[in-house]
Amino acid sequence: MMTNQTANAAQEFLTVNHGDRQHQIVNIELMMRRHQPEEVVDFLVRLSLQYKKTLARSIRRDRSDPFINELVARRFRIRMAINTIRKEVRAA
């Protein structure tokens, strides 16, 4: 089981502030109620791979597309959340 502190830290990586609003890439807290940490990590890894494929397609189509920046940022945030969860799982 994951501690609330770790879930909150992972959620912070997966929440993007846009000034007057917030966007959650994934709601970790909801997922943690129904799934084990390893399952959440597996989901996040698959999501990151999906973003990687989308990123590659976007780069092939138009290298100047600002959506590329968004995909890179999302992949980074997902990787940081994965690392946060894995660190706790290894320590347990």
Protein backbone atom coordinates (compact mmCIF):
# COMPACT_ATOMS: atom_id res chain seq x y z
CA MET A 1 0.00 0.00 0.00
CA MET A 2 1.18 3.48 -0.79
CA THR A 3 1.31 6.23 1.83
CA ASN A 4 -0.75 9.37 1.39
CA GLN A 5 2.47 11.38 1.22
CA THR A 6 3.72 9.39 -1.77
CA ALA A 7 0.33 9.49 -3.50
CA ASN A 8 0.22 13.26 -3.01
CA ALA A 9 3.76 13.69 -4.34
CA ALA A 10 2.95 11.59 -7.41
CA GLN A 11 -0.30 13.51 -7.93
CA GLU A 12 1.57 16.82 -7.83
CA PHE A 13 3.68 15.64 -10.78
CA LEU A 14 0.52 14.64 -12.63
CA THR A 15 -1.30 17.93 -12.06
CA VAL A 16 -0.59 20.87 -14.35
CA ASN A 17 -1.51 24.41 -13.28
CA HIS A 18 -2.71 26.66 -16.08
CA GLY A 19 -3.06 29.83 -14.02
CA ASP A 20 -6.78 29.91 -13.35
CA ARG A 21 -7.34 26.15 -13.72
CA GLN A 22 -5.69 22.79 -13.11
CA HIS A 23 -5.46 19.77 -15.37
CA GLN A 24 -4.88 16.27 -13.99
CA ILE A 25 -3.09 14.02 -16.44
CA VAL A 26 -4.16 11.09 -14.25
CA ASN A 27 -6.02 10.98 -10.94
CA ILE A 28 -3.62 8.81 -8.90
CA GLU A 29 -5.65 9.06 -5.72
CA LEU A 30 -8.67 7.49 -7.39
CA MET A 31 -6.56 4.76 -8.98
CA MET A 32 -4.88 3.92 -5.68
CA ARG A 33 -8.25 3.20 -4.07
CA ARG A 34 -8.84 0.38 -6.55
CA HIS A 35 -5.38 -0.85 -7.58
CA GLN A 36 -2.06 -1.86 -6.09
CA PRO A 37 0.93 0.48 -6.59
CA GLU A 38 2.51 -1.94 -9.08
CA GLU A 39 -0.65 -1.87 -11.21
CA VAL A 40 -0.70 1.93 -11.15
CA VAL A 41 2.96 1.99 -12.24
CA ASP A 42 2.19 -0.45 -15.05
CA PHE A 43 -0.64 1.80 -16.24
CA LEU A 44 1.58 4.88 -16.11
CA VAL A 45 4.32 3.11 -18.07
CA ARG A 46 1.81 2.14 -20.77
CA LEU A 47 0.47 5.71 -20.85
CA SER A 48 4.00 7.06 -21.21
CA LEU A 49 4.64 4.69 -24.12
CA GLN A 50 1.43 5.85 -25.78
CA TYR A 51 2.55 9.47 -25.44
CA LYS A 52 5.93 8.45 -26.89
CA LYS A 53 4.21 7.06 -30.00
CA THR A 54 2.07 10.18 -30.34
CA LEU A 55 5.17 12.32 -29.91
CA ALA A 56 6.99 10.46 -32.68
CA ARG A 57 4.01 10.91 -35.04
CA SER A 58 3.78 14.61 -34.18
CA ILE A 59 7.48 15.13 -34.84
CA ARG A 60 7.24 13.39 -38.21
CA ARG A 61 4.22 15.50 -39.16
CA ASP A 62 5.37 18.98 -38.00
CA ARG A 63 8.47 19.59 -35.88
CA SER A 64 7.32 23.11 -35.00
CA ASP A 65 3.96 22.01 -33.56
CA PRO A 66 3.61 23.35 -29.97
CA PHE A 67 1.77 20.13 -29.07
CA ILE A 68 5.22 18.48 -29.02
CA ASN A 69 6.14 20.58 -25.99
CA GLU A 70 2.97 19.43 -24.23
CA LEU A 71 3.74 15.76 -24.94
CA VAL A 72 7.31 16.08 -23.72
CA ALA A 73 6.13 17.75 -20.52
CA ARG A 74 3.47 15.09 -19.92
CA ARG A 75 5.95 12.24 -20.46
CA PHE A 76 8.38 13.89 -18.03
CA ARG A 77 5.68 14.33 -15.39
CA ILE A 78 4.52 10.73 -15.79
CA ARG A 79 8.11 9.44 -15.45
CA MET A 80 8.59 11.50 -12.27
CA ALA A 81 5.36 10.07 -10.81
CA ILE A 82 6.50 6.54 -11.71
CA ASN A 83 9.85 7.13 -10.03
CA THR A 84 8.12 8.48 -6.91
CA ILE A 85 5.88 5.41 -6.59
CA ARG A 86 8.66 2.93 -7.40
CA LYS A 87 10.92 4.48 -4.78
CA GLU A 88 8.33 3.78 -2.09
CA VAL A 89 7.56 0.28 -3.35
CA ARG A 90 11.26 -0.61 -3.23
CA ALA A 91 11.59 0.81 0.28
CA ALA A 92 8.60 -1.20 1.57
